[in-house]
N, C-alpha and C. Protein backbone atom coordinates (compact mmCIF):
# COMPACT_ATOMS: atom_id res chain seq x y z
N MET A 1 -26.26 -2.26 7.29
CA MET A 1 -27.02 -1.08 6.99
C MET A 1 -26.89 -1.01 5.45
N ALA A 2 -27.78 -0.66 4.56
CA ALA A 2 -27.63 -0.69 3.08
C ALA A 2 -27.01 0.34 2.88
N ARG A 3 -26.23 0.48 1.69
CA ARG A 3 -25.46 1.43 1.16
C ARG A 3 -25.79 1.57 -0.48
N ASN A 4 -25.22 2.54 -0.95
CA ASN A 4 -25.48 2.89 -2.27
C ASN A 4 -24.00 2.08 -2.88
N ARG A 5 -24.70 1.32 -4.19
CA ARG A 5 -23.56 0.52 -4.96
C ARG A 5 -23.45 0.88 -6.19
N MET A 6 -22.23 0.45 -6.95
CA MET A 6 -22.03 0.67 -8.34
C MET A 6 -22.74 -0.38 -9.18
N ILE A 7 -23.16 0.06 -10.20
CA ILE A 7 -23.72 -1.07 -11.30
C ILE A 7 -23.05 -0.73 -12.55
N LYS A 8 -22.09 -1.64 -13.13
CA LYS A 8 -21.10 -1.18 -14.07
C LYS A 8 -22.03 -1.56 -15.44
N LYS A 9 -21.62 -0.82 -16.54
CA LYS A 9 -22.35 -1.26 -17.68
C LYS A 9 -22.01 -2.53 -18.16
N GLU A 10 -20.92 -3.29 -17.74
CA GLU A 10 -20.72 -4.59 -18.15
C GLU A 10 -21.80 -5.46 -17.69
N VAL A 11 -22.49 -5.14 -16.72
CA VAL A 11 -23.36 -6.08 -16.15
C VAL A 11 -24.22 -6.46 -17.06
N LEU A 12 -24.91 -5.58 -17.98
CA LEU A 12 -25.76 -5.86 -18.82
C LEU A 12 -25.50 -6.75 -20.05
N GLU A 13 -23.67 -6.78 -20.16
CA GLU A 13 -23.48 -7.60 -21.27
C GLU A 13 -23.02 -8.88 -20.73
N ASP A 14 -23.08 -9.30 -19.47
CA ASP A 14 -22.71 -10.21 -18.78
C ASP A 14 -23.57 -11.91 -19.16
N PRO A 15 -23.06 -12.55 -19.75
CA PRO A 15 -23.78 -13.77 -20.52
C PRO A 15 -24.65 -14.83 -19.38
N LYS A 16 -23.66 -14.75 -18.03
CA LYS A 16 -24.55 -15.30 -17.11
C LYS A 16 -25.46 -14.50 -16.36
N ILE A 17 -25.28 -13.24 -16.12
CA ILE A 17 -26.36 -12.41 -15.83
C ILE A 17 -27.60 -12.48 -17.00
N GLY A 18 -27.27 -12.54 -17.97
CA GLY A 18 -28.34 -12.50 -19.19
C GLY A 18 -29.43 -13.69 -19.25
N LYS A 19 -28.78 -14.62 -18.60
CA LYS A 19 -29.59 -15.81 -18.71
C LYS A 19 -30.67 -15.82 -17.46
N LEU A 20 -30.29 -14.97 -16.46
CA LEU A 20 -31.41 -14.88 -15.28
C LEU A 20 -32.61 -14.51 -15.51
N SER A 21 -33.35 -14.92 -14.96
CA SER A 21 -35.02 -14.25 -15.04
C SER A 21 -34.89 -12.90 -14.41
N TYR A 22 -35.96 -12.23 -15.16
CA TYR A 22 -35.89 -11.20 -14.52
C TYR A 22 -36.05 -10.74 -13.04
N THR A 23 -36.68 -11.64 -12.50
CA THR A 23 -36.66 -11.29 -11.01
C THR A 23 -35.33 -11.48 -10.39
N ALA A 24 -34.64 -12.88 -10.80
CA ALA A 24 -33.40 -12.93 -10.23
C ALA A 24 -32.43 -11.90 -10.47
N LYS A 25 -32.48 -11.01 -11.59
CA LYS A 25 -31.35 -9.89 -11.79
C LYS A 25 -31.76 -8.91 -10.71
N TRP A 26 -33.02 -8.68 -10.51
CA TRP A 26 -33.51 -7.44 -9.64
C TRP A 26 -32.76 -7.69 -8.31
N LEU A 27 -32.93 -9.46 -7.87
CA LEU A 27 -32.70 -9.71 -6.61
C LEU A 27 -31.18 -9.53 -6.62
N PHE A 28 -30.21 -9.91 -7.73
CA PHE A 28 -29.00 -9.92 -7.43
C PHE A 28 -28.17 -8.50 -7.50
N ILE A 29 -28.82 -7.43 -7.84
CA ILE A 29 -28.70 -6.28 -7.50
C ILE A 29 -29.38 -5.63 -6.32
N GLY A 30 -30.21 -6.20 -5.87
CA GLY A 30 -30.72 -6.08 -4.44
C GLY A 30 -29.87 -6.26 -3.45
N LEU A 31 -29.21 -7.60 -3.58
CA LEU A 31 -28.39 -8.28 -2.80
C LEU A 31 -26.97 -7.41 -2.33
N TRP A 32 -26.44 -6.68 -3.58
CA TRP A 32 -25.61 -5.70 -3.65
C TRP A 32 -25.87 -4.85 -2.40
N ILE A 33 -27.27 -4.37 -2.59
CA ILE A 33 -27.33 -3.01 -1.69
C ILE A 33 -27.63 -3.29 -0.29
N ILE A 34 -28.05 -4.60 0.22
CA ILE A 34 -28.29 -4.94 1.53
C ILE A 34 -26.99 -5.59 2.17
N ALA A 35 -26.13 -6.15 1.22
CA ALA A 35 -24.94 -6.68 1.78
C ALA A 35 -24.07 -5.79 2.35
N ASP A 36 -23.16 -6.47 3.47
CA ASP A 36 -22.30 -5.60 4.13
C ASP A 36 -21.19 -5.00 3.05
N ASP A 37 -20.04 -4.23 3.80
CA ASP A 37 -18.95 -3.76 2.79
C ASP A 37 -18.10 -4.73 2.30
N GLU A 38 -18.18 -6.05 2.68
CA GLU A 38 -17.21 -7.12 1.94
C GLU A 38 -18.46 -8.21 1.02
N GLY A 39 -19.63 -7.79 1.04
CA GLY A 39 -20.41 -8.72 0.24
C GLY A 39 -20.93 -10.04 0.84
N TYR A 40 -21.10 -9.52 2.37
CA TYR A 40 -22.03 -10.74 2.99
C TYR A 40 -23.31 -10.51 3.60
N LEU A 41 -24.22 -11.31 3.82
CA LEU A 41 -25.54 -10.89 4.61
C LEU A 41 -25.89 -12.28 4.89
N GLN A 42 -26.66 -12.30 5.90
CA GLN A 42 -27.63 -13.27 6.63
C GLN A 42 -28.26 -13.98 5.48
N ASN A 43 -28.18 -15.38 5.46
CA ASN A 43 -29.09 -16.07 4.63
C ASN A 43 -30.51 -16.42 5.30
N GLU A 44 -31.33 -15.31 5.25
CA GLU A 44 -32.82 -15.45 5.89
C GLU A 44 -33.55 -14.74 5.14
N PRO A 45 -34.04 -15.75 4.07
CA PRO A 45 -35.07 -15.54 2.79
C PRO A 45 -35.95 -14.42 3.21
N ASP A 46 -36.82 -14.53 4.25
CA ASP A 46 -37.92 -13.79 4.48
C ASP A 46 -37.55 -12.13 4.57
N TRP A 47 -36.42 -12.14 5.29
CA TRP A 47 -35.86 -10.60 5.65
C TRP A 47 -35.27 -10.30 4.26
N ILE A 48 -34.66 -10.95 3.46
CA ILE A 48 -34.17 -10.53 2.09
C ILE A 48 -35.24 -10.23 1.17
N LYS A 49 -36.44 -10.85 1.20
CA LYS A 49 -37.59 -10.42 0.59
C LYS A 49 -38.29 -9.22 0.74
N ILE A 50 -38.33 -9.10 2.25
CA ILE A 50 -38.64 -7.63 2.65
C ILE A 50 -37.84 -6.92 2.23
N LYS A 51 -36.51 -6.64 2.24
CA LYS A 51 -35.62 -5.71 1.89
C LYS A 51 -35.59 -5.48 0.59
N CYS A 52 -35.61 -6.70 -0.42
CA CYS A 52 -35.39 -6.30 -2.10
C CYS A 52 -36.87 -6.35 -2.52
N PHE A 53 -37.80 -6.99 -2.15
CA PHE A 53 -39.11 -6.88 -2.85
C PHE A 53 -40.26 -6.66 -1.79
N PRO A 54 -40.19 -5.35 -1.15
CA PRO A 54 -41.24 -4.95 0.02
C PRO A 54 -42.68 -5.00 -0.73
N TYR A 55 -42.81 -4.93 -1.92
CA TYR A 55 -44.44 -4.75 -2.14
C TYR A 55 -44.72 -6.36 -3.08
N ASP A 56 -43.91 -7.01 -3.16
CA ASP A 56 -44.19 -8.36 -3.81
C ASP A 56 -44.34 -9.46 -2.97
N SER A 57 -45.66 -9.59 -2.34
CA SER A 57 -45.90 -10.57 -1.16
C SER A 57 -46.08 -11.79 -1.69
N ASN A 58 -46.30 -12.33 -3.01
CA ASN A 58 -46.54 -13.56 -3.49
C ASN A 58 -45.26 -13.98 -4.27
N LEU A 59 -44.13 -13.26 -3.81
CA LEU A 59 -42.88 -13.85 -4.69
C LEU A 59 -42.51 -14.94 -3.83
N GLU A 60 -42.01 -15.82 -4.70
CA GLU A 60 -41.23 -16.99 -4.10
C GLU A 60 -39.94 -16.88 -3.94
N ILE A 61 -39.46 -16.30 -2.87
CA ILE A 61 -37.83 -15.80 -2.65
C ILE A 61 -36.94 -17.01 -2.72
N ASN A 62 -37.32 -18.14 -1.91
CA ASN A 62 -36.45 -19.37 -2.21
C ASN A 62 -35.93 -19.93 -3.77
N LYS A 63 -37.14 -19.64 -4.31
CA LYS A 63 -37.03 -20.09 -5.87
C LYS A 63 -36.02 -19.15 -6.66
N VAL A 64 -35.85 -17.86 -6.40
CA VAL A 64 -35.04 -16.99 -7.08
C VAL A 64 -33.74 -17.09 -6.37
N LEU A 65 -33.93 -17.27 -5.19
CA LEU A 65 -32.31 -17.46 -4.61
C LEU A 65 -31.69 -18.60 -5.16
N LYS A 66 -32.48 -19.91 -5.33
CA LYS A 66 -31.78 -20.92 -5.81
C LYS A 66 -31.32 -20.69 -7.34
N GLU A 67 -31.88 -19.82 -8.16
CA GLU A 67 -31.40 -19.51 -9.30
C GLU A 67 -30.14 -18.94 -9.34
N LEU A 68 -29.93 -18.03 -8.31
CA LEU A 68 -28.84 -17.34 -8.19
C LEU A 68 -27.65 -18.20 -7.60
N PHE A 69 -27.79 -19.09 -6.85
CA PHE A 69 -27.08 -20.32 -6.42
C PHE A 69 -26.61 -20.88 -7.51
N GLY A 70 -27.65 -21.27 -8.35
CA GLY A 70 -27.59 -22.23 -9.62
C GLY A 70 -26.57 -21.75 -10.67
N PHE A 71 -26.34 -20.20 -10.81
CA PHE A 71 -25.68 -19.79 -11.75
C PHE A 71 -24.01 -19.18 -10.86
N ASN A 72 -23.95 -19.71 -9.80
CA ASN A 72 -22.68 -19.57 -8.78
C ASN A 72 -22.47 -18.15 -8.86
N LEU A 73 -23.45 -17.14 -8.80
CA LEU A 73 -23.19 -15.90 -8.54
C LEU A 73 -23.17 -15.54 -6.89
N ILE A 74 -23.63 -16.37 -6.38
CA ILE A 74 -23.56 -16.44 -4.92
C ILE A 74 -23.21 -17.60 -4.09
N SER A 75 -22.87 -18.00 -2.92
CA SER A 75 -22.86 -19.03 -2.27
C SER A 75 -22.94 -19.04 -0.69
N GLN A 76 -23.24 -19.86 -0.20
CA GLN A 76 -23.77 -19.55 1.36
C GLN A 76 -23.08 -20.59 2.20
N ASN A 77 -22.80 -20.42 3.39
CA ASN A 77 -22.10 -21.18 4.29
C ASN A 77 -22.44 -20.81 5.72
N ASN A 78 -23.03 -21.66 6.79
CA ASN A 78 -23.29 -21.43 8.15
C ASN A 78 -24.25 -20.27 8.19
N GLY A 79 -25.12 -20.35 7.55
CA GLY A 79 -26.53 -19.16 7.38
C GLY A 79 -25.86 -17.97 6.78
N VAL A 80 -24.57 -17.62 6.06
CA VAL A 80 -24.18 -16.58 5.53
C VAL A 80 -24.06 -16.87 3.99
N ILE A 81 -24.57 -15.61 3.58
CA ILE A 81 -24.55 -15.64 1.94
C ILE A 81 -23.40 -14.83 1.40
N LYS A 82 -22.63 -15.14 0.57
CA LYS A 82 -21.47 -14.27 0.07
C LYS A 82 -21.76 -14.09 -1.37
N ILE A 83 -21.81 -12.85 -1.85
CA ILE A 83 -21.81 -12.53 -3.21
C ILE A 83 -20.41 -12.65 -3.90
N LYS A 84 -20.34 -13.35 -4.97
CA LYS A 84 -19.19 -13.70 -5.54
C LYS A 84 -18.56 -12.51 -6.05
N ASN A 85 -17.21 -12.12 -6.08
CA ASN A 85 -16.32 -11.04 -6.51
C ASN A 85 -16.97 -9.87 -6.33
N PHE A 86 -17.49 -9.72 -4.87
CA PHE A 86 -18.00 -8.47 -4.78
C PHE A 86 -16.97 -7.34 -4.70
N LEU A 87 -16.01 -7.53 -3.85
CA LEU A 87 -14.77 -6.62 -3.48
C LEU A 87 -14.38 -6.08 -5.09
N LYS A 88 -14.32 -7.12 -6.29
CA LYS A 88 -13.78 -6.92 -7.21
C LYS A 88 -14.44 -5.61 -8.43
N HIS A 89 -15.80 -5.60 -7.86
CA HIS A 89 -16.83 -4.71 -8.76
C HIS A 89 -17.22 -3.70 -7.97
N GLN A 90 -17.02 -3.67 -6.51
CA GLN A 90 -17.36 -2.41 -5.82
C GLN A 90 -16.61 -1.66 -5.06
N ILE A 91 -16.45 -0.58 -5.33
CA ILE A 91 -15.47 0.43 -4.49
C ILE A 91 -16.29 1.03 -3.52
N ILE A 92 -15.68 0.95 -2.13
CA ILE A 92 -16.73 1.19 -1.16
C ILE A 92 -15.87 2.12 -0.27
N ASN A 93 -16.54 3.60 -0.01
CA ASN A 93 -15.76 4.33 0.35
C ASN A 93 -15.68 4.29 2.18
N ARG A 94 -14.88 4.08 2.94
CA ARG A 94 -14.66 4.10 4.29
C ARG A 94 -15.16 2.89 4.81
N PRO A 95 -14.79 1.65 4.15
CA PRO A 95 -15.84 0.19 4.51
C PRO A 95 -15.52 -0.03 6.04
N THR A 96 -16.62 -0.77 6.08
CA THR A 96 -16.63 -1.26 7.42
C THR A 96 -16.32 -2.95 7.38
N GLU A 97 -15.35 -3.06 8.36
CA GLU A 97 -14.86 -4.75 8.11
C GLU A 97 -16.36 -5.84 8.64
N SER A 98 -16.39 -6.67 7.73
CA SER A 98 -17.63 -7.52 7.69
C SER A 98 -17.35 -8.61 9.10
N GLU A 99 -18.72 -8.39 9.75
CA GLU A 99 -18.87 -9.54 10.81
C GLU A 99 -19.08 -10.93 10.48
N LEU A 100 -19.42 -10.97 9.47
CA LEU A 100 -20.00 -12.35 8.98
C LEU A 100 -18.81 -13.07 8.29
N CYS A 101 -18.05 -12.45 7.78
CA CYS A 101 -17.03 -13.19 7.12
C CYS A 101 -16.07 -14.53 7.65
N ASN A 102 -15.97 -14.20 8.98
CA ASN A 102 -15.25 -15.31 9.63
C ASN A 102 -16.17 -16.42 10.07
N LEU A 103 -17.73 -16.15 10.00
CA LEU A 103 -18.41 -17.08 10.48
C LEU A 103 -18.56 -17.97 8.83
N TYR A 104 -18.69 -17.13 7.63
CA TYR A 104 -18.80 -17.74 6.40
C TYR A 104 -17.67 -18.73 6.27
N ARG A 105 -16.47 -18.42 6.75
CA ARG A 105 -15.19 -19.10 6.30
C ARG A 105 -14.99 -20.41 7.43
N GLN A 106 -15.76 -20.57 8.19
CA GLN A 106 -15.36 -21.78 9.23
C GLN A 106 -15.08 -23.12 8.90
N ASN A 107 -16.17 -23.20 7.85
CA ASN A 107 -16.07 -24.61 6.99
C ASN A 107 -15.34 -24.56 5.80
N SER A 108 -15.10 -25.76 5.47
CA SER A 108 -14.26 -25.52 3.96
C SER A 108 -15.21 -25.78 2.84
N SER A 109 -16.52 -25.99 3.00
CA SER A 109 -17.43 -26.19 1.89
C SER A 109 -18.88 -25.66 2.16
N THR A 110 -19.52 -24.90 1.37
CA THR A 110 -20.75 -24.64 1.76
C THR A 110 -21.98 -25.58 1.49
N THR A 111 -23.14 -25.48 2.20
CA THR A 111 -24.16 -26.50 2.10
C THR A 111 -24.61 -26.68 0.63
N HIS A 112 -24.40 -25.90 0.05
CA HIS A 112 -24.67 -26.05 -1.55
C HIS A 112 -23.66 -26.77 -2.51
N GLY A 113 -22.62 -27.10 -1.67
CA GLY A 113 -21.70 -27.98 -2.20
C GLY A 113 -20.28 -27.14 -2.97
N ASP A 114 -20.33 -25.65 -2.61
CA ASP A 114 -19.64 -24.96 -3.36
C ASP A 114 -18.20 -24.75 -2.42
N VAL A 115 -17.10 -24.82 -3.05
CA VAL A 115 -15.74 -24.88 -2.37
C VAL A 115 -15.74 -23.23 -1.97
N ILE A 116 -15.44 -22.82 -0.49
CA ILE A 116 -15.21 -21.50 -0.01
C ILE A 116 -13.84 -21.28 -0.62
N ASP A 117 -13.88 -19.91 -1.33
CA ASP A 117 -12.51 -19.57 -1.89
C ASP A 117 -11.97 -18.78 -0.42
N ASN A 118 -11.01 -19.49 0.00
CA ASN A 118 -10.31 -18.53 1.16
C ASN A 118 -9.16 -17.75 0.72
N SER A 119 -9.04 -17.88 -0.51
CA SER A 119 -7.65 -17.19 -1.20
C SER A 119 -8.27 -15.74 -1.53
N VAL A 120 -9.61 -15.24 -1.27
CA VAL A 120 -10.14 -14.10 -1.56
C VAL A 120 -9.74 -13.28 -0.38
N PRO A 121 -9.31 -12.22 -0.31
CA PRO A 121 -8.90 -11.52 0.85
C PRO A 121 -10.26 -10.63 1.43
N ASN A 122 -10.55 -10.68 2.67
CA ASN A 122 -11.53 -9.40 3.12
C ASN A 122 -10.90 -8.34 3.35
N ILE A 123 -11.70 -7.10 3.80
CA ILE A 123 -11.08 -5.91 3.64
C ILE A 123 -9.97 -5.64 4.45
N LYS A 124 -9.89 -6.30 5.67
CA LYS A 124 -8.64 -6.14 6.62
C LYS A 124 -7.48 -6.64 5.90
N GLU A 125 -7.66 -8.04 5.39
CA GLU A 125 -6.48 -8.70 4.66
C GLU A 125 -6.00 -7.93 3.41
N VAL A 126 -6.83 -7.28 2.90
CA VAL A 126 -6.71 -6.23 1.58
C VAL A 126 -5.95 -5.14 2.25
N ASN A 127 -6.36 -4.43 3.37
CA ASN A 127 -5.43 -3.20 3.81
C ASN A 127 -4.02 -3.96 4.20
N ILE A 128 -3.80 -4.81 4.74
CA ILE A 128 -2.43 -5.62 4.90
C ILE A 128 -1.79 -5.71 3.79
N ILE A 129 -2.32 -6.37 2.86
CA ILE A 129 -1.72 -6.68 1.60
C ILE A 129 -1.15 -5.44 0.90
N GLU A 130 -2.10 -4.31 0.86
CA GLU A 130 -1.61 -3.04 0.33
C GLU A 130 -0.61 -2.25 1.09
N SER A 131 -0.76 -2.47 2.51
CA SER A 131 0.20 -1.79 3.29
C SER A 131 1.71 -2.58 2.90
N ASN A 132 1.81 -3.92 2.87
CA ASN A 132 2.76 -4.58 2.47
C ASN A 132 3.41 -4.12 1.07
N ILE A 133 2.81 -4.05 0.22
CA ILE A 133 3.15 -3.63 -1.22
C ILE A 133 3.57 -2.29 -1.18
N ASN A 134 3.20 -1.23 -0.47
CA ASN A 134 3.39 0.01 -0.29
C ASN A 134 4.90 0.11 0.37
N GLU A 135 5.10 -0.73 1.36
CA GLU A 135 6.26 -1.01 2.21
C GLU A 135 7.60 -1.51 1.03
N SER A 136 6.87 -2.49 0.34
CA SER A 136 7.97 -2.97 -0.50
C SER A 136 8.25 -1.89 -1.64
N LYS A 137 7.63 -0.98 -1.97
CA LYS A 137 7.98 -0.27 -2.84
C LYS A 137 9.06 0.94 -2.50
N TYR A 138 9.05 0.98 -1.23
CA TYR A 138 10.20 1.95 -0.49
C TYR A 138 11.37 1.25 -0.11
N LYS A 139 11.47 -0.38 -0.13
CA LYS A 139 12.54 -0.94 0.25
C LYS A 139 13.70 -0.74 -0.33
N GLY A 140 14.68 -0.76 -0.04
CA GLY A 140 16.14 -0.39 -0.80
C GLY A 140 16.17 0.92 -1.10
N LYS A 141 15.13 2.03 -0.88
CA LYS A 141 15.67 3.48 -1.02
C LYS A 141 16.23 4.11 -0.03
N ARG A 142 17.08 4.80 -0.05
CA ARG A 142 17.85 5.49 1.01
C ARG A 142 17.07 6.05 1.96
N GLU A 143 17.41 6.06 3.17
CA GLU A 143 16.66 6.67 4.47
C GLU A 143 16.84 8.32 4.23
N LEU A 144 15.75 8.92 4.79
CA LEU A 144 15.80 10.43 4.74
C LEU A 144 17.11 10.87 5.59
N PHE A 145 17.78 11.76 4.99
CA PHE A 145 19.15 12.33 5.49
C PHE A 145 18.70 13.23 6.94
N VAL A 146 19.45 12.95 8.00
CA VAL A 146 19.27 13.68 9.43
C VAL A 146 20.52 14.48 9.48
N LYS A 147 20.62 15.57 9.51
CA LYS A 147 22.12 16.39 9.89
C LYS A 147 22.51 15.83 11.09
N PRO A 148 23.75 15.67 11.27
CA PRO A 148 24.23 15.40 12.71
C PRO A 148 24.24 16.47 13.68
N LEU A 149 24.22 16.17 14.87
CA LEU A 149 24.59 17.04 15.97
C LEU A 149 26.12 17.17 15.86
N LYS A 150 26.57 18.45 16.66
CA LYS A 150 27.96 18.91 16.74
C LYS A 150 28.59 17.51 17.68
N THR A 151 27.95 17.34 18.69
CA THR A 151 28.55 16.36 19.60
C THR A 151 28.95 14.96 18.75
N GLU A 152 27.93 14.57 17.85
CA GLU A 152 28.04 13.35 16.86
C GLU A 152 29.13 13.61 16.06
N ILE A 153 29.29 15.01 15.40
CA ILE A 153 30.36 14.86 14.55
C ILE A 153 31.87 14.66 15.46
N ILE A 154 32.05 15.18 16.72
CA ILE A 154 33.00 15.14 17.31
C ILE A 154 33.31 14.01 17.93
N ASP A 155 32.53 13.14 18.28
CA ASP A 155 32.52 11.83 18.64
C ASP A 155 33.29 10.82 17.40
N TYR A 156 32.54 11.13 16.29
CA TYR A 156 33.17 10.35 15.19
C TYR A 156 34.54 10.50 14.72
N ILE A 157 34.87 11.82 14.73
CA ILE A 157 36.11 12.29 14.52
C ILE A 157 37.16 11.79 15.23
N ASN A 158 36.82 11.79 16.73
CA ASN A 158 37.63 11.05 17.83
C ASN A 158 37.72 9.44 17.76
N GLU A 159 36.50 9.29 17.29
CA GLU A 159 36.64 7.42 17.14
C GLU A 159 37.53 6.93 16.08
N LYS A 160 37.43 7.85 14.79
CA LYS A 160 38.25 7.49 13.39
C LYS A 160 39.36 8.19 13.68
N GLN A 161 39.73 9.21 14.30
CA GLN A 161 41.07 9.87 14.48
C GLN A 161 41.09 10.59 13.20
N LEU A 162 40.29 11.43 12.82
CA LEU A 162 40.22 12.26 11.62
C LEU A 162 40.91 13.57 11.63
N LYS A 163 41.69 13.99 10.81
CA LYS A 163 42.08 15.09 10.71
C LYS A 163 41.45 16.23 10.38
N VAL A 164 40.11 16.58 10.93
CA VAL A 164 39.05 17.39 10.51
C VAL A 164 38.58 18.22 11.55
N ASP A 165 38.47 19.49 11.17
CA ASP A 165 38.09 20.27 12.36
C ASP A 165 36.71 20.43 12.47
N CYS A 166 35.90 19.98 13.43
CA CYS A 166 34.42 19.72 13.46
C CYS A 166 34.02 21.10 13.08
N GLU A 167 34.31 22.44 13.50
CA GLU A 167 33.53 23.61 13.43
C GLU A 167 33.76 23.89 11.97
N THR A 168 34.82 23.74 11.31
CA THR A 168 34.72 24.20 9.93
C THR A 168 33.74 23.19 8.89
N PHE A 169 33.80 21.88 9.40
CA PHE A 169 32.78 20.96 8.59
C PHE A 169 31.45 21.63 8.69
N LEU A 170 31.17 22.03 10.16
CA LEU A 170 29.73 21.97 10.35
C LEU A 170 29.24 23.21 9.45
N ASP A 171 30.21 24.48 9.79
CA ASP A 171 29.70 25.70 9.14
C ASP A 171 29.65 25.53 7.63
N TYR A 172 30.59 24.76 7.13
CA TYR A 172 30.46 24.88 5.76
C TYR A 172 29.10 23.97 5.22
N TYR A 173 28.90 23.05 5.89
CA TYR A 173 27.59 22.22 5.17
C TYR A 173 26.45 23.01 5.71
N GLU A 174 26.37 23.68 7.25
CA GLU A 174 25.20 24.34 7.60
C GLU A 174 24.98 25.40 6.63
N SER A 175 25.98 26.08 5.72
CA SER A 175 25.79 27.22 4.97
C SER A 175 25.04 26.77 3.68
N ASN A 176 25.64 25.55 3.11
CA ASN A 176 25.00 25.10 1.63
C ASN A 176 23.94 24.10 1.79
N GLY A 177 23.36 24.25 3.01
CA GLY A 177 22.12 23.30 3.25
C GLY A 177 22.40 21.48 3.03
N TRP A 178 23.82 21.23 3.48
CA TRP A 178 23.91 19.92 3.74
C TRP A 178 23.99 19.18 2.37
N LYS A 179 24.51 19.81 1.42
CA LYS A 179 24.71 19.42 0.19
C LYS A 179 26.28 19.04 -0.30
N ILE A 180 26.55 18.05 -1.24
CA ILE A 180 27.97 17.85 -1.97
C ILE A 180 27.50 18.33 -3.29
N GLY A 181 28.22 19.45 -3.60
CA GLY A 181 27.89 20.20 -4.84
C GLY A 181 26.18 20.40 -4.95
N LYS A 182 25.63 19.92 -6.04
CA LYS A 182 24.15 20.33 -6.16
C LYS A 182 23.35 19.28 -5.42
N VAL A 183 24.02 17.98 -5.29
CA VAL A 183 23.26 17.08 -4.42
C VAL A 183 23.32 16.89 -2.93
N PRO A 184 21.79 16.48 -2.45
CA PRO A 184 21.80 16.41 -1.05
C PRO A 184 22.83 15.36 -0.27
N MET A 185 23.36 15.93 0.66
CA MET A 185 24.11 14.52 1.45
C MET A 185 23.55 13.44 1.86
N LYS A 186 24.25 12.20 1.61
CA LYS A 186 23.53 11.07 1.84
C LYS A 186 24.18 10.35 3.19
N ASP A 187 25.29 10.58 3.22
CA ASP A 187 26.14 10.05 4.57
C ASP A 187 27.28 11.06 5.06
N TRP A 188 26.65 11.54 6.03
CA TRP A 188 27.85 12.63 6.78
C TRP A 188 28.94 11.79 7.12
N LYS A 189 29.25 10.48 7.76
CA LYS A 189 30.02 9.91 8.18
C LYS A 189 31.21 9.79 6.74
N ALA A 190 30.71 9.50 5.72
CA ALA A 190 31.46 9.18 4.76
C ALA A 190 32.15 10.57 4.16
N THR A 191 31.44 11.62 4.37
CA THR A 191 31.96 12.91 3.88
C THR A 191 33.04 13.38 4.60
N LEU A 192 32.83 13.05 6.04
CA LEU A 192 33.93 13.44 7.10
C LEU A 192 35.17 12.66 6.54
N ARG A 193 35.13 11.34 6.29
CA ARG A 193 36.24 10.54 5.95
C ARG A 193 37.11 11.05 4.55
N ASN A 194 36.19 11.46 3.69
CA ASN A 194 36.70 12.21 2.31
C ASN A 194 37.22 13.43 2.70
N TRP A 195 36.98 14.21 3.70
CA TRP A 195 37.61 15.47 4.17
C TRP A 195 38.90 15.18 5.03
N ASP A 196 38.88 13.86 5.65
CA ASP A 196 40.20 13.58 6.14
C ASP A 196 41.32 13.07 5.19
N ARG A 197 40.91 12.42 4.01
CA ARG A 197 41.73 11.90 3.05
C ARG A 197 42.36 13.18 2.35
N LYS A 198 41.46 14.07 2.38
CA LYS A 198 41.76 15.26 1.53
C LYS A 198 43.00 16.17 2.08
N THR A 199 42.72 15.89 3.34
CA THR A 199 43.78 16.71 4.34
C THR A 199 45.16 16.21 4.36
N LYS A 200 44.99 14.76 4.27
CA LYS A 200 46.06 13.97 4.35
C LYS A 200 47.23 13.60 3.05
N GLU A 201 46.34 14.36 1.73
CA GLU A 201 47.02 14.33 0.68
C GLU A 201 48.27 15.15 0.79
N VAL A 202 49.48 14.64 0.23
CA VAL A 202 50.53 15.49 0.10
C VAL A 202 50.44 16.36 -1.00
N LYS A 203 50.60 17.54 -0.82
CA LYS A 203 50.38 18.85 -1.54
C LYS A 203 51.74 18.98 -2.25
N LYS A 204 51.72 19.31 -3.49
CA LYS A 204 52.98 19.80 -4.25
C LYS A 204 53.55 21.16 -3.75
N PRO A 205 54.60 21.48 -3.69
CA PRO A 205 55.08 22.77 -3.17
C PRO A 205 54.89 23.94 -4.20
N PHE A 206 54.49 25.14 -3.83
CA PHE A 206 54.32 26.00 -4.87
C PHE A 206 55.45 26.53 -5.78
N LYS A 207 55.49 26.54 -7.20
CA LYS A 207 56.45 26.63 -7.79
C LYS A 207 56.61 28.10 -8.46
N ASN A 208 57.47 29.02 -7.76
CA ASN A 208 57.57 30.22 -8.27
C ASN A 208 58.60 30.48 -9.39
N GLU A 209 58.44 30.47 -10.68
CA GLU A 209 59.38 30.54 -11.42
C GLU A 209 60.11 31.76 -11.61
N PHE A 210 59.55 32.79 -11.35
CA PHE A 210 60.27 34.20 -11.15
C PHE A 210 61.25 34.08 -10.32
N LEU A 211 60.92 33.84 -8.97
CA LEU A 211 62.00 33.39 -8.06
C LEU A 211 63.29 32.87 -8.37
N GLU A 212 62.69 31.63 -9.09
CA GLU A 212 63.99 30.55 -9.57
C GLU A 212 64.57 31.23 -10.32
N GLU A 213 64.37 31.91 -11.25
CA GLU A 213 65.39 32.61 -12.32
C GLU A 213 65.90 33.54 -11.44
N LEU A 214 65.49 34.50 -10.57
CA LEU A 214 66.22 35.51 -10.07
C LEU A 214 67.39 35.04 -9.30
N GLN A 215 67.14 33.58 -8.36
CA GLN A 215 68.23 33.12 -7.77
C GLN A 215 69.21 32.55 -8.62
N LYS A 216 68.79 32.22 -9.72
CA LYS A 216 69.80 31.46 -10.74
C LYS A 216 70.79 32.84 -11.12
N GLY A 217 70.14 33.79 -11.54
CA GLY A 217 70.93 35.09 -11.87
C GLY A 217 71.98 35.36 -10.98
N GLN A 218 71.39 35.30 -9.75
CA GLN A 218 72.54 35.71 -8.44
C GLN A 218 73.52 34.73 -8.18
N SER A 219 73.13 33.63 -8.74
CA SER A 219 74.39 32.60 -8.43
C SER A 219 75.55 32.87 -9.32
N ILE A 220 75.12 33.17 -10.73
CA ILE A 220 76.23 33.59 -11.77
C ILE A 220 77.05 34.62 -11.32
């Protein structure tokens, strides 16, 4: 189905397109409109002529197509025409995957001697590439923190034999939104281990200087 396409201002300044005949320029733009969402269409000259030049019955469509092939703006293989760099210049809203792409790619070269560029991805491959790129952006970043269940805390305390009261730990972090200071907690198990270390620290006895002086006075 024909779709609306974009015509960039750079097209008018392109030296290759500038060398085309007037009719070939119109045909090139017409192919953008009748091509599928990946820039492929059937190489059926009569059909192309009807679609692109419905009122020019005397037009020699094969001659005009040959001009586009000659300037390497299009290529063809297995009865399928490919518009070069189509996806590079066209932004398709909700694109439909091409049914002609695989047919075009079946052989290594076209009937016009052009080598098929299998490195150019189709829409499906573009989506996979974008998905991999997006996935790699978040690789290495910490996972979203999920607060533990009470049973998970108890099990970990027992497993590591920690001297931490589960209820105290749970109540404390439930009340402050599971933050350490002002920073969201990253690892509740590591936090539990820190609590355990603090409870095991040997605390210095409280030094009451007034009581010490009083005891010294009594001893005299």
